[in-house]
Structures are given as C-alpha cells and as structure tokens.
C-alpha cells in the first residue's frame, strides 16, 4: 500500500526566502528538534543542492532511524523534490512547491511513501504512519513559518523610523 498526502502552509514571506530556508540543513534540524533530527553524512550544514544527499539521524517511535535523501529536482524558487535513497521506507518522495499568495507564500508539500515489509508495513502505515508523518511535516512547516515570520518582523522593525 502507498500513502499519499498534502500539507498546505501559508507563510508571510516571499517564495524565494521560503524556498531557501526549506533547503537549509540547520533550519531543518531546528524544525525537527523534537525528534533530535541531525544531519550526519553528506551535506551536513548550509544549503543542500540539486544532486546532493543528506543522511538524517532521528528518533521516532523510540527507535533511532537513519534516512538518506537526495535532491532529485530543483527549480528555484518554485519547487524541489527530495527522495529517499536509503532508509526505513520502501519509497519516500517529497515534492515541495512554493507559490506566491496574498499572504506571501503558499507552501505545498506532496508526499508519497510506502513502508517496507509487505503486510507488516501496510499495518504500520494504517495504524501509525498515515497520521504520524503528516503531523511531522505540519510541525516542521509551523517551525519554518515561525522562523521566517519572526525574521520578517525583525527586519520590518529594524527598517521602520521608530526603530532607530
């Protein structure tokens, strides 16, 4: 069985900034602090680019996992795709899109994944993963939105005449 879902997040920042922060390894680690996610191989700091990989180490469901992803498509500032090349899933593909909106950016995450282990994996998908993974992505997006909007508020305050 394959699970597919979409998470849509509105962010008060321009697509260029949202795109850039979404590819920043440090921002990803900050947004996933709850699972202790860390880049441990490949691109471990700065911005990950087309064709590059990053191996993440994190704790989910009390188990330490490693997942290596590669950026397989990139069209700045509109979209990029990362796909698992090694890790816990039989398949994991994450398309990130950044569309201008009235608020700034509509960030659209389309994710398709399949657990390994045949019928055991299908059970894990239905029992836990179909809820857990979308919540994980929504939490990550909320953290990115908070960081981008906090930074934008700071820039507005610093540039206003009353901030001097």
Protein backbone atom coordinates (compact mmCIF):
# COMPACT_ATOMS: atom_id res chain seq x y z
CA UNK A 1 0.00 0.00 0.00
CA UNK A 2 1.17 3.53 -0.70
CA UNK A 3 0.26 6.59 1.37
CA UNK A 4 -0.05 9.99 -0.32
CA UNK A 5 -0.94 13.25 1.37
CA UNK A 6 -0.64 17.02 1.01
CA UNK A 7 0.13 19.68 3.62
CA UNK A 8 -0.52 23.34 2.70
CA UNK A 9 1.06 26.10 4.80
CA UNK A 10 0.63 29.86 4.34
CA UNK A 11 3.71 31.90 5.23
CA UNK A 12 4.07 35.69 5.37
CA UNK A 13 7.39 35.73 3.49
CA UNK A 14 8.30 35.75 -0.22
CA UNK A 15 8.74 32.42 -2.06
CA UNK A 16 12.49 33.00 -2.50
CA UNK A 17 13.05 33.11 1.27
CA UNK A 18 10.76 30.14 1.98
CA UNK A 19 12.46 28.07 -0.76
CA UNK A 20 15.94 28.93 0.57
CA UNK A 21 15.12 28.16 4.21
CA UNK A 22 13.49 24.86 3.20
CA UNK A 23 16.84 23.72 1.75
CA UNK A 24 18.86 24.88 4.78
CA UNK A 25 20.15 21.93 6.83
CA UNK A 26 20.31 23.94 10.06
CA UNK A 27 16.71 25.15 9.65
CA UNK A 28 15.61 21.55 9.12
CA UNK A 29 17.38 20.47 12.30
CA UNK A 30 15.77 23.32 14.27
CA UNK A 31 12.33 22.46 12.90
CA UNK A 32 12.73 18.78 13.83
CA UNK A 33 14.25 19.32 17.29
CA UNK A 34 11.52 17.21 18.89
CA UNK A 35 12.87 14.07 17.24
CA UNK A 36 16.52 15.11 17.68
CA UNK A 37 16.99 15.00 13.91
CA UNK A 38 20.57 15.72 12.86
CA UNK A 39 22.45 15.65 9.57
CA UNK A 40 25.21 13.07 10.00
CA UNK A 41 26.53 12.48 6.44
CA UNK A 42 26.50 14.08 3.02
CA UNK A 43 25.63 17.77 3.19
CA UNK A 44 25.60 18.37 6.94
CA UNK A 45 25.44 22.19 7.01
CA UNK A 46 24.44 25.09 4.82
CA UNK A 47 22.20 24.64 1.82
CA UNK A 48 21.64 21.30 0.12
CA UNK A 49 21.54 21.48 -3.68
CA UNK A 50 20.49 19.50 -6.71
CA UNK A 51 22.03 16.02 -6.77
CA UNK A 52 23.34 16.28 -3.22
CA UNK A 53 22.45 13.92 -0.39
CA UNK A 54 21.99 14.28 3.32
CA UNK A 55 21.71 11.48 5.85
CA UNK A 56 19.42 12.28 8.76
CA UNK A 57 19.55 10.55 12.13
CA UNK A 58 16.45 10.89 14.31
CA UNK A 59 14.39 9.14 16.95
CA UNK A 60 10.82 8.22 16.03
CA UNK A 61 8.63 5.79 17.97
CA UNK A 62 11.52 5.34 20.41
CA UNK A 63 13.79 3.95 17.67
CA UNK A 64 16.82 5.66 16.11
CA UNK A 65 16.48 5.80 12.32
CA UNK A 66 18.77 6.90 9.51
CA UNK A 67 17.43 8.13 6.20
CA UNK A 68 19.47 9.36 3.25
CA UNK A 69 17.69 11.71 0.87
CA UNK A 70 18.80 13.20 -2.44
CA UNK A 71 17.55 16.40 -4.06
CA UNK A 72 16.40 14.98 -7.39
CA UNK A 73 14.72 18.06 -8.88
CA UNK A 74 15.13 21.78 -8.23
CA UNK A 75 13.56 24.79 -9.91
CA UNK A 76 14.28 27.82 -7.71
CA UNK A 77 12.26 29.41 -6.23
CA UNK A 78 9.21 27.37 -7.22
CA UNK A 79 9.86 23.77 -6.27
CA UNK A 80 12.23 20.97 -5.36
CA UNK A 81 11.93 17.25 -4.75
CA UNK A 82 13.76 15.08 -2.26
CA UNK A 83 13.64 11.29 -2.39
CA UNK A 84 14.90 8.63 -0.02
CA UNK A 85 17.84 6.70 -1.47
CA UNK A 86 18.44 4.64 1.70
CA UNK A 87 16.41 4.31 4.85
CA UNK A 88 13.36 2.93 6.59
CA UNK A 89 10.82 3.31 3.77
CA UNK A 90 10.36 1.17 0.68
CA UNK A 91 9.66 4.52 -1.04
CA UNK A 92 9.62 8.14 0.12
CA UNK A 93 9.18 11.12 -2.24
CA UNK A 94 8.58 14.68 -1.05
CA UNK A 95 7.74 17.44 -3.53
CA UNK A 96 7.95 20.98 -2.10
CA UNK A 97 6.19 23.78 -4.02
CA UNK A 98 6.31 27.50 -3.23
CA UNK A 99 3.51 29.56 -4.78
CA UNK A 100 3.04 33.31 -4.40
CA UNK A 101 -0.09 34.07 -2.37
CA UNK A 102 -1.85 37.08 -0.88
CA UNK A 103 -0.08 36.40 2.43
CA UNK A 104 3.34 35.81 0.83
CA UNK A 105 3.84 32.13 0.03
CA UNK A 106 1.65 29.08 -0.12
CA UNK A 107 3.98 26.17 0.65
CA UNK A 108 2.58 22.89 -0.67
CA UNK A 109 4.12 19.58 0.38
CA UNK A 110 3.07 16.49 -1.58
CA UNK A 111 4.41 13.32 -0.03
CA UNK A 112 4.17 9.72 -1.19
CA UNK A 113 5.59 6.89 0.88
CA UNK A 114 5.39 3.15 1.29
CA UNK A 115 6.55 1.17 4.30
CA UNK A 116 8.70 -1.93 3.79
CA UNK A 117 7.85 -5.48 4.90
CA UNK A 118 4.69 -6.14 2.87
CA UNK A 119 1.66 -6.84 5.08
CA UNK A 120 3.51 -5.79 8.26
CA UNK A 121 4.40 -2.49 6.60
CA UNK A 122 0.80 -1.99 5.45
CA UNK A 123 -0.36 -2.44 9.03
CA UNK A 124 2.22 0.09 10.25
CA UNK A 125 1.04 2.55 7.58
CA UNK A 126 -2.60 2.27 8.63
CA UNK A 127 -2.03 2.13 12.39
CA UNK A 128 0.63 4.81 12.83
CA UNK A 129 2.41 6.26 9.81
CA UNK A 130 -0.65 7.63 7.96
CA UNK A 131 -1.22 10.00 10.92
CA UNK A 132 2.32 10.46 12.21
CA UNK A 133 4.10 11.54 9.02
CA UNK A 134 1.58 14.31 8.07
CA UNK A 135 1.74 15.64 11.66
CA UNK A 136 5.55 15.59 11.49
CA UNK A 137 5.53 17.60 8.24
CA UNK A 138 2.91 20.05 9.57
CA UNK A 139 5.05 20.60 12.69
CA UNK A 140 8.15 21.16 10.58
CA UNK A 141 6.26 23.68 8.44
CA UNK A 142 4.95 25.52 11.50
CA UNK A 143 8.52 25.89 12.78
CA UNK A 144 9.73 27.19 9.39
CA UNK A 145 6.80 29.63 9.24
CA UNK A 146 7.58 30.88 12.75
CA UNK A 147 11.25 31.40 11.91
CA UNK A 148 10.52 33.18 8.62
CA UNK A 149 7.80 35.41 10.06
CA UNK A 150 9.85 36.24 13.17
CA UNK A 151 12.77 37.20 10.92
CA UNK A 152 10.44 39.28 8.71
CA UNK A 153 9.02 41.09 11.78
CA UNK A 154 12.55 41.86 12.94
CA UNK A 155 13.51 43.21 9.53
CA UNK A 156 10.37 45.41 9.42
CA UNK A 157 11.06 46.73 12.91
CA UNK A 158 14.70 47.45 12.10
CA UNK A 159 13.76 49.34 8.93
CA UNK A 160 10.95 51.43 10.46
CA UNK A 161 11.78 55.02 11.55
CA UNK A 162 10.67 54.36 15.12
CA UNK A 163 13.21 51.51 15.49
CA UNK A 164 16.16 53.93 15.45
